[in-house]
């Protein structure tokens, strides 16, 4: 409906669902996100078209100064020709010049609503200078689109981002806040995985997981982000044939093994340095993990606090 975003600016209860923010599905890991999209690269924003933000404070002030909340509510219920003219004038004042001819040519409320919905869906085009391509392009410049909804991303011109994008029905590359797209400074975990994708000679499997002292964490849930009671500084040992690798849980109880080939691995957790004590027993029974080709697997160890000797 063409008034949804205008009413959202005013905070009307009639359109409260629009105000609760972007709703996304469960968060994905870097390797899942990489597999799910057509395009992954890091790059800097060079162009924005149109350079316009419907949620900006400038536009909000302009709208509030132009029309009252009560008048907008009246226009929402009134489909008369005079109301259509009022709305056309309002949109022509608020939206960029490029849309004004299209707005002037509509002749009914239904056509106006449809046009505004299409404009919102068209969104903005960002032209990026590609710094490092991981999937889907060999170009130096590439265009990525994001819509005007609350799931859209307001990229800053001159800023550098890691982009995950997929093609839409028109063949455009589209990204949103529901993807793992983010400022490059916050993409450390992704960049670590993508490095092995690009330079790992085909060994792109990843095993990551957590150690927790909270048994309820074992219940079905999304494990991508955190556990309730993380256990840090535990040694994690991964074995498969002659492969023997180690990691230690961090402050979030998390561990990661990258650059894995397809196959079966045994994962064990110890309280102290396993390499200096080959007879040391795992804190809990070891896990058998199957890593698919170029895939990622997550794992969770529940370790009662009573099983972890005090340092």
Protein backbone atom coordinates (compact mmCIF):
# COMPACT_ATOMS: atom_id res chain seq x y z
CA UNK A 1 0.00 0.00 0.00
CA UNK A 2 1.46 3.33 -1.03
CA UNK A 3 1.08 5.07 2.35
CA UNK A 4 2.78 2.41 4.45
CA UNK A 5 6.16 4.07 4.66
CA UNK A 6 4.69 7.55 5.19
CA UNK A 7 2.56 6.28 8.04
CA UNK A 8 5.52 4.36 9.42
CA UNK A 9 7.44 7.62 9.74
CA UNK A 10 4.65 8.97 11.91
CA UNK A 11 4.54 5.77 13.96
CA UNK A 12 0.86 5.03 13.45
CA UNK A 13 -0.43 1.97 15.29
CA UNK A 14 -2.40 0.99 12.21
CA UNK A 15 0.87 -0.01 10.56
CA UNK A 16 2.78 -1.16 13.63
CA UNK A 17 4.06 -4.36 11.91
CA UNK A 18 6.20 -2.17 9.65
CA UNK A 19 7.90 -0.60 12.67
CA UNK A 20 9.29 -3.68 14.39
CA UNK A 21 12.32 -3.84 12.15
CA UNK A 22 13.56 -6.23 9.53
CA UNK A 23 12.56 -9.85 10.13
CA UNK A 24 15.11 -12.37 8.89
CA UNK A 25 15.37 -16.12 9.05
CA UNK A 26 17.91 -17.98 11.20
CA UNK A 27 21.45 -16.60 10.88
CA UNK A 28 23.76 -18.48 8.56
CA UNK A 29 27.43 -19.34 8.85
CA UNK A 30 29.97 -17.94 6.36
CA UNK A 31 30.19 -21.20 4.44
CA UNK A 32 26.41 -21.60 4.25
CA UNK A 33 26.05 -18.01 3.07
CA UNK A 34 28.77 -18.54 0.46
CA UNK A 35 27.01 -21.62 -0.92
CA UNK A 36 23.59 -19.92 -1.04
CA UNK A 37 24.39 -16.87 -3.22
CA UNK A 38 25.69 -16.10 -6.72
CA UNK A 39 28.12 -13.33 -5.79
CA UNK A 40 30.64 -12.74 -2.97
CA UNK A 41 33.24 -9.98 -3.01
CA UNK A 42 34.75 -7.16 -1.00
CA UNK A 43 34.71 -3.67 -2.42
CA UNK A 44 34.27 0.06 -1.97
CA UNK A 45 31.10 2.04 -2.76
CA UNK A 46 31.76 4.48 -5.61
CA UNK A 47 28.23 5.47 -6.73
CA UNK A 48 24.73 5.57 -5.22
CA UNK A 49 21.66 5.93 -7.45
CA UNK A 50 19.33 7.40 -6.37
CA UNK A 51 21.19 8.99 -3.47
CA UNK A 52 18.06 9.10 -1.34
CA UNK A 53 16.98 7.55 1.98
CA UNK A 54 13.29 7.31 2.82
CA UNK A 55 14.12 6.83 6.52
CA UNK A 56 16.36 9.91 6.81
CA UNK A 57 15.68 12.56 9.45
CA UNK A 58 15.65 15.20 6.68
CA UNK A 59 12.80 13.49 4.88
CA UNK A 60 10.94 12.89 8.16
CA UNK A 61 11.11 16.58 9.03
CA UNK A 62 9.97 17.54 5.54
CA UNK A 63 7.01 15.16 5.70
CA UNK A 64 5.91 16.29 9.16
CA UNK A 65 6.13 19.90 8.04
CA UNK A 66 4.09 19.17 4.92
CA UNK A 67 1.12 17.20 6.26
CA UNK A 68 -0.38 16.07 9.55
CA UNK A 69 -0.73 12.51 10.74
CA UNK A 70 -4.51 12.93 10.80
CA UNK A 71 -4.56 14.06 7.18
CA UNK A 72 -2.50 11.03 6.15
CA UNK A 73 -4.96 8.76 7.92
CA UNK A 74 -7.80 10.44 6.05
CA UNK A 75 -6.02 9.99 2.73
CA UNK A 76 -5.48 6.31 3.52
CA UNK A 77 -9.27 5.82 3.67
CA UNK A 78 -10.24 8.18 0.83
CA UNK A 79 -9.89 7.12 -2.82
CA UNK A 80 -11.47 10.25 -4.30
CA UNK A 81 -9.81 12.10 -7.21
CA UNK A 82 -8.96 15.03 -4.92
CA UNK A 83 -7.16 12.69 -2.50
CA UNK A 84 -5.24 11.13 -5.39
CA UNK A 85 -4.12 14.59 -6.51
CA UNK A 86 -3.03 15.43 -2.96
CA UNK A 87 -1.03 12.24 -2.71
CA UNK A 88 0.59 12.78 -6.10
CA UNK A 89 1.66 16.26 -5.04
CA UNK A 90 3.02 14.89 -1.76
CA UNK A 91 5.05 12.12 -3.40
CA UNK A 92 6.37 14.54 -6.03
CA UNK A 93 7.69 16.76 -3.26
CA UNK A 94 9.26 13.96 -1.24
CA UNK A 95 10.72 11.66 -3.89
CA UNK A 96 13.68 12.40 -6.21
CA UNK A 97 13.20 14.17 -9.54
CA UNK A 98 13.57 10.94 -11.51
CA UNK A 99 10.19 9.68 -10.24
CA UNK A 100 8.08 12.80 -10.79
CA UNK A 101 7.04 12.14 -14.39
CA UNK A 102 5.91 8.62 -13.52
CA UNK A 103 3.89 9.97 -10.59
CA UNK A 104 2.29 12.70 -12.72
CA UNK A 105 1.10 10.16 -15.30
CA UNK A 106 -0.96 7.93 -12.98
CA UNK A 107 -4.72 8.48 -13.05
CA UNK A 108 -6.13 6.49 -10.13
CA UNK A 109 -5.40 5.52 -6.53
CA UNK A 110 -4.80 1.89 -7.52
CA UNK A 111 -2.25 2.91 -10.15
CA UNK A 112 -0.57 5.28 -7.71
CA UNK A 113 -0.34 2.59 -5.03
CA UNK A 114 1.15 0.17 -7.55
CA UNK A 115 3.68 2.73 -8.77
CA UNK A 116 4.89 3.60 -5.26
CA UNK A 117 5.17 -0.08 -4.38
CA UNK A 118 7.31 -0.62 -7.49
CA UNK A 119 9.51 2.36 -6.66
CA UNK A 120 10.06 1.03 -3.15
CA UNK A 121 10.87 -2.43 -4.54
CA UNK A 122 13.27 -1.03 -7.16
CA UNK A 123 15.42 0.39 -4.40
CA UNK A 124 18.90 1.79 -4.88
CA UNK A 125 21.81 0.83 -7.07
CA UNK A 126 25.27 0.85 -5.54
CA UNK A 127 28.30 0.65 -7.79
CA UNK A 128 31.26 -1.04 -6.10
CA UNK A 129 34.90 -1.12 -7.01
CA UNK A 130 35.79 -4.79 -6.52
CA UNK A 131 38.83 -5.27 -4.28
CA UNK A 132 38.70 -9.05 -3.89
CA UNK A 133 36.33 -11.40 -5.69
CA UNK A 134 35.50 -14.73 -4.09
CA UNK A 135 32.58 -15.90 -6.22
CA UNK A 136 30.62 -14.85 -9.29
CA UNK A 137 32.62 -12.06 -10.91
CA UNK A 138 35.93 -11.09 -12.50
CA UNK A 139 34.89 -7.48 -13.10
CA UNK A 140 36.55 -4.43 -11.60
CA UNK A 141 33.20 -2.69 -11.08
CA UNK A 142 29.83 -4.26 -10.25
CA UNK A 143 26.34 -3.00 -9.39
CA UNK A 144 24.43 -4.29 -6.37
CA UNK A 145 20.87 -3.32 -5.46
CA UNK A 146 19.07 -3.07 -2.12
CA UNK A 147 15.45 -2.05 -1.60
CA UNK A 148 13.94 0.80 0.42
CA UNK A 149 12.44 -1.45 3.10
CA UNK A 150 13.82 -1.79 6.62
CA UNK A 151 15.71 -4.84 5.32
CA UNK A 152 17.56 -2.63 2.86
CA UNK A 153 21.14 -1.54 3.57
CA UNK A 154 22.25 2.08 3.53
CA UNK A 155 25.81 1.69 2.27
CA UNK A 156 28.11 4.64 2.84
CA UNK A 157 29.83 6.11 -0.18
CA UNK A 158 33.56 5.52 0.08
CA UNK A 159 33.11 2.73 2.64
CA UNK A 160 34.30 -0.86 2.06
CA UNK A 161 32.05 -3.88 2.55
CA UNK A 162 31.95 -7.63 2.19
CA UNK A 163 28.98 -8.35 -0.09
CA UNK A 164 26.87 -11.49 -0.39
CA UNK A 165 24.36 -11.02 -3.22
CA UNK A 166 21.96 -13.13 -5.25
CA UNK A 167 20.23 -12.48 -8.57
CA UNK A 168 16.57 -11.41 -8.66
CA UNK A 169 14.01 -12.01 -11.43
CA UNK A 170 15.46 -9.10 -13.42
CA UNK A 171 18.99 -10.47 -13.23
CA UNK A 172 20.16 -7.77 -10.81
CA UNK A 173 22.40 -8.60 -7.86
CA UNK A 174 20.40 -8.00 -4.67
CA UNK A 175 21.54 -7.90 -1.05
CA UNK A 176 19.79 -7.10 2.23
CA UNK A 177 20.25 -6.94 5.99
CA UNK A 178 19.25 -10.62 6.11
CA UNK A 179 22.41 -11.63 4.24
CA UNK A 180 25.88 -11.74 5.79
CA UNK A 181 26.73 -8.50 3.96
CA UNK A 182 28.55 -6.18 6.35
CA UNK A 183 31.24 -3.56 6.76
CA UNK A 184 34.62 -5.13 6.09
CA UNK A 185 35.81 -4.23 9.59
CA UNK A 186 33.16 -6.57 11.04
CA UNK A 187 33.72 -9.44 8.61
CA UNK A 188 36.71 -11.14 10.21
CA UNK A 189 35.14 -14.58 10.53
CA UNK A 190 33.88 -14.44 6.94
CA UNK A 191 37.23 -13.31 5.58
CA UNK A 192 39.02 -16.14 7.36
CA UNK A 193 36.73 -18.68 5.70
CA UNK A 194 36.85 -16.96 2.30
CA UNK A 195 40.65 -16.97 2.36
CA UNK A 196 40.59 -20.78 2.51
CA UNK A 197 37.93 -20.90 -0.20
CA UNK A 198 40.13 -18.90 -2.55
CA UNK A 199 43.56 -20.21 -1.62
CA UNK A 200 42.89 -23.58 0.01
CA UNK A 201 43.39 -25.75 -3.08
CA UNK A 202 39.95 -27.30 -2.81
CA UNK A 203 40.05 -27.91 0.95
CA UNK A 204 37.17 -25.63 1.89
CA UNK A 205 35.31 -27.61 4.56
CA UNK A 206 34.78 -25.99 7.95
CA UNK A 207 33.96 -27.48 11.36
CA UNK A 208 33.05 -25.06 14.10
CA UNK A 209 31.33 -25.39 17.42
CA UNK A 210 31.02 -24.47 21.07
CA UNK A 211 31.67 -25.84 24.53
CA UNK A 212 29.00 -25.02 27.09
CA UNK A 213 28.26 -25.80 30.73
CA UNK A 214 24.51 -25.32 30.18
CA UNK A 215 22.63 -28.52 29.32
CA UNK A 216 19.63 -26.60 27.93
CA UNK A 217 21.85 -25.47 25.05
CA UNK A 218 21.46 -29.01 23.68
CA UNK A 219 17.81 -28.35 22.88
CA UNK A 220 17.04 -27.57 19.21
CA UNK A 221 18.17 -24.02 18.55
CA UNK A 222 20.31 -21.95 16.24
CA UNK A 223 23.92 -22.48 17.27
CA UNK A 224 25.55 -19.95 14.98
CA UNK A 225 26.08 -17.13 17.46
CA UNK A 226 26.56 -18.14 21.09
CA UNK A 227 25.89 -20.50 23.98
CA UNK A 228 24.54 -19.69 27.43
CA UNK A 229 27.54 -20.67 29.58
CA UNK A 230 30.65 -20.80 27.38
CA UNK A 231 33.70 -22.73 28.52
CA UNK A 232 36.95 -21.10 27.44
CA UNK A 233 40.58 -22.25 27.20
CA UNK A 234 39.70 -25.90 26.57
CA UNK A 235 41.79 -27.83 24.07
CA UNK A 236 39.89 -29.20 21.07
CA UNK A 237 41.55 -32.00 19.09
CA UNK A 238 40.46 -33.07 15.62
CA UNK A 239 41.64 -36.41 14.15
CA UNK A 240 41.16 -38.27 10.90
CA UNK A 241 43.71 -40.87 9.84
CA UNK A 242 47.07 -39.12 10.00
CA UNK A 243 45.42 -35.71 10.45
CA UNK A 244 45.88 -34.27 13.94
CA UNK A 245 44.88 -30.66 14.58
CA UNK A 246 44.29 -28.54 17.67
CA UNK A 247 42.34 -25.47 18.65
CA UNK A 248 41.29 -23.86 21.93
CA UNK A 249 37.89 -22.54 22.85
CA UNK A 250 37.77 -18.75 23.03
CA UNK A 251 35.91 -16.49 25.44
CA UNK A 252 32.63 -17.45 23.77
CA UNK A 253 33.39 -21.16 24.08
CA UNK A 254 33.90 -21.34 20.33
CA UNK A 255 36.37 -23.36 18.25
CA UNK A 256 36.96 -23.56 14.47
CA UNK A 257 38.77 -25.88 12.06
CA UNK A 258 39.13 -24.63 8.50
CA UNK A 259 40.56 -26.07 5.28
CA UNK A 260 39.11 -29.53 5.75
CA UNK A 261 38.68 -32.14 3.04
CA UNK A 262 35.50 -34.15 2.78
CA UNK A 263 35.47 -36.97 5.32
CA UNK A 264 34.85 -38.24 8.84
CA UNK A 265 36.59 -36.65 11.83
CA UNK A 266 36.79 -37.39 15.55
CA UNK A 267 36.55 -34.33 17.79
CA UNK A 268 37.61 -34.44 21.45
CA UNK A 269 37.81 -31.81 24.18
CA UNK A 270 40.45 -31.80 26.92
CA UNK A 271 41.08 -29.66 29.96
CA UNK A 272 44.83 -29.22 29.46
CA UNK A 273 47.45 -29.45 26.76
CA UNK A 274 46.85 -32.85 25.19
CA UNK A 275 50.18 -33.00 23.35
CA UNK A 276 52.11 -33.20 26.66
CA UNK A 277 49.97 -35.97 28.11
CA UNK A 278 48.91 -38.63 25.62
CA UNK A 279 47.04 -40.57 28.34
CA UNK A 280 44.76 -37.67 29.19
CA UNK A 281 41.10 -38.57 28.74
CA UNK A 282 38.56 -36.27 27.08
CA UNK A 283 36.25 -34.39 29.41
CA UNK A 284 33.25 -35.98 27.67
CA UNK A 285 32.93 -38.68 24.99
CA UNK A 286 34.38 -37.70 21.62
CA UNK A 287 32.10 -36.75 18.72
CA UNK A 288 32.22 -38.30 15.23
CA UNK A 289 31.62 -35.59 12.63
CA UNK A 290 31.09 -35.96 8.87
CA UNK A 291 32.24 -32.93 6.87
CA UNK A 292 30.69 -32.74 3.38
CA UNK A 293 32.60 -31.59 0.32
CA UNK A 294 33.08 -27.81 0.47
CA UNK A 295 30.56 -27.73 3.33
CA UNK A 296 30.38 -26.65 6.92
CA UNK A 297 29.26 -28.45 10.05
CA UNK A 298 28.58 -27.10 13.53
CA UNK A 299 28.96 -29.06 16.75
CA UNK A 300 28.11 -28.53 20.42
CA UNK A 301 29.78 -30.04 23.47
CA UNK A 302 27.90 -29.99 26.76
CA UNK A 303 30.44 -30.33 29.57
CA UNK A 304 29.14 -30.20 33.15
CA UNK A 305 31.15 -27.84 35.31
CA UNK A 306 31.86 -30.75 37.62
CA UNK A 307 33.77 -32.42 34.76
CA UNK A 308 36.16 -29.49 34.35
CA UNK A 309 38.90 -29.57 37.02
CA UNK A 310 39.61 -26.22 38.58
CA UNK A 311 42.83 -24.60 37.46
